[in-house]
């Protein structure tokens, strides 16, 4: 359940950042590229923090957490790349 919630948070973050960029009028390809790269940097940091919490607080090993966090990172990342591709 936690994995689904974290993935949903990533998709919500992507949606919010895309919505704010459209609201502010940043629709040119360079802005969309910057938005996507910025989102990916923030989402990678959030995924690493989630991995760290899983290892230090939840008691999982790095080997147990890494595949799950890879999925957590990839689902919103693929969505972000699709947004980038469709908006440019």
Protein backbone atom coordinates (compact mmCIF):
# COMPACT_ATOMS: atom_id res chain seq x y z
CA UNK A 1 0.00 0.00 0.00
CA UNK A 2 2.86 2.37 0.81
CA UNK A 3 4.35 1.83 -2.64
CA UNK A 4 1.08 2.78 -4.34
CA UNK A 5 0.79 5.90 -2.19
CA UNK A 6 4.33 7.01 -3.02
CA UNK A 7 3.80 6.42 -6.75
CA UNK A 8 0.53 8.38 -6.54
CA UNK A 9 2.39 11.21 -4.79
CA UNK A 10 4.90 11.28 -7.65
CA UNK A 11 2.14 11.42 -10.24
CA UNK A 12 0.40 14.18 -8.28
CA UNK A 13 3.67 16.12 -8.10
CA UNK A 14 4.09 15.74 -11.86
CA UNK A 15 0.51 16.86 -12.45
CA UNK A 16 0.88 19.85 -10.15
CA UNK A 17 4.14 20.97 -11.74
CA UNK A 18 2.69 20.54 -15.23
CA UNK A 19 -0.44 22.45 -14.24
CA UNK A 20 1.53 25.30 -12.70
CA UNK A 21 3.76 25.55 -15.77
CA UNK A 22 0.72 25.74 -18.05
CA UNK A 23 -0.95 28.28 -15.76
CA UNK A 24 2.17 30.44 -15.85
CA UNK A 25 2.30 30.19 -19.64
CA UNK A 26 5.43 28.09 -20.01
CA UNK A 27 4.53 25.93 -22.99
CA UNK A 28 7.54 26.24 -25.25
CA UNK A 29 9.74 23.14 -25.71
CA UNK A 30 12.64 24.52 -23.66
CA UNK A 31 10.36 25.15 -20.67
CA UNK A 32 8.80 21.70 -20.95
CA UNK A 33 12.31 20.19 -21.04
CA UNK A 34 13.34 22.18 -17.98
CA UNK A 35 10.14 21.17 -16.16
CA UNK A 36 10.75 17.50 -16.93
CA UNK A 37 14.39 17.56 -15.87
CA UNK A 38 13.52 19.48 -12.70
CA UNK A 39 10.78 17.00 -11.85
CA UNK A 40 13.14 14.07 -12.44
CA UNK A 41 15.76 15.58 -10.12
CA UNK A 42 13.21 16.21 -7.36
CA UNK A 43 11.63 12.79 -7.81
CA UNK A 44 15.01 11.03 -7.73
CA UNK A 45 15.83 12.80 -4.46
CA UNK A 46 12.43 11.83 -3.02
CA UNK A 47 12.95 8.21 -4.07
CA UNK A 48 16.40 8.08 -2.46
CA UNK A 49 14.94 9.54 0.75
CA UNK A 50 12.19 6.91 0.63
CA UNK A 51 14.86 4.21 0.20
CA UNK A 52 16.78 5.60 3.16
CA UNK A 53 13.67 5.57 5.37
CA UNK A 54 12.88 2.01 4.32
CA UNK A 55 16.35 0.85 5.29
CA UNK A 56 16.86 2.87 8.48
CA UNK A 57 13.33 3.01 9.90
CA UNK A 58 11.37 0.10 8.46
CA UNK A 59 14.18 -2.41 8.81
CA UNK A 60 14.46 -3.54 5.20
CA UNK A 61 17.81 -4.22 3.59
CA UNK A 62 19.07 -2.22 0.63
CA UNK A 63 18.66 -5.33 -1.53
CA UNK A 64 14.98 -5.56 -0.54
CA UNK A 65 14.25 -1.86 -1.00
CA UNK A 66 16.10 -1.24 -4.27
CA UNK A 67 13.73 -3.09 -6.67
CA UNK A 68 10.66 -1.51 -5.08
CA UNK A 69 12.18 1.96 -5.22
CA UNK A 70 13.16 1.37 -8.83
CA UNK A 71 9.47 0.82 -9.64
CA UNK A 72 8.54 3.83 -7.49
CA UNK A 73 10.97 5.96 -9.48
CA UNK A 74 10.19 4.58 -12.94
CA UNK A 75 6.39 4.91 -13.01
CA UNK A 76 6.31 8.73 -12.58
CA UNK A 77 9.48 9.04 -14.67
CA UNK A 78 7.86 7.30 -17.63
CA UNK A 79 4.82 9.54 -17.18
CA UNK A 80 7.07 12.63 -17.14
CA UNK A 81 8.84 11.52 -20.31
CA UNK A 82 5.46 10.96 -21.98
CA UNK A 83 4.36 14.47 -20.96
CA UNK A 84 7.61 15.86 -22.37
CA UNK A 85 7.19 13.91 -25.60
CA UNK A 86 3.53 14.89 -26.05
CA UNK A 87 4.07 18.59 -25.27
CA UNK A 88 7.02 19.16 -27.59
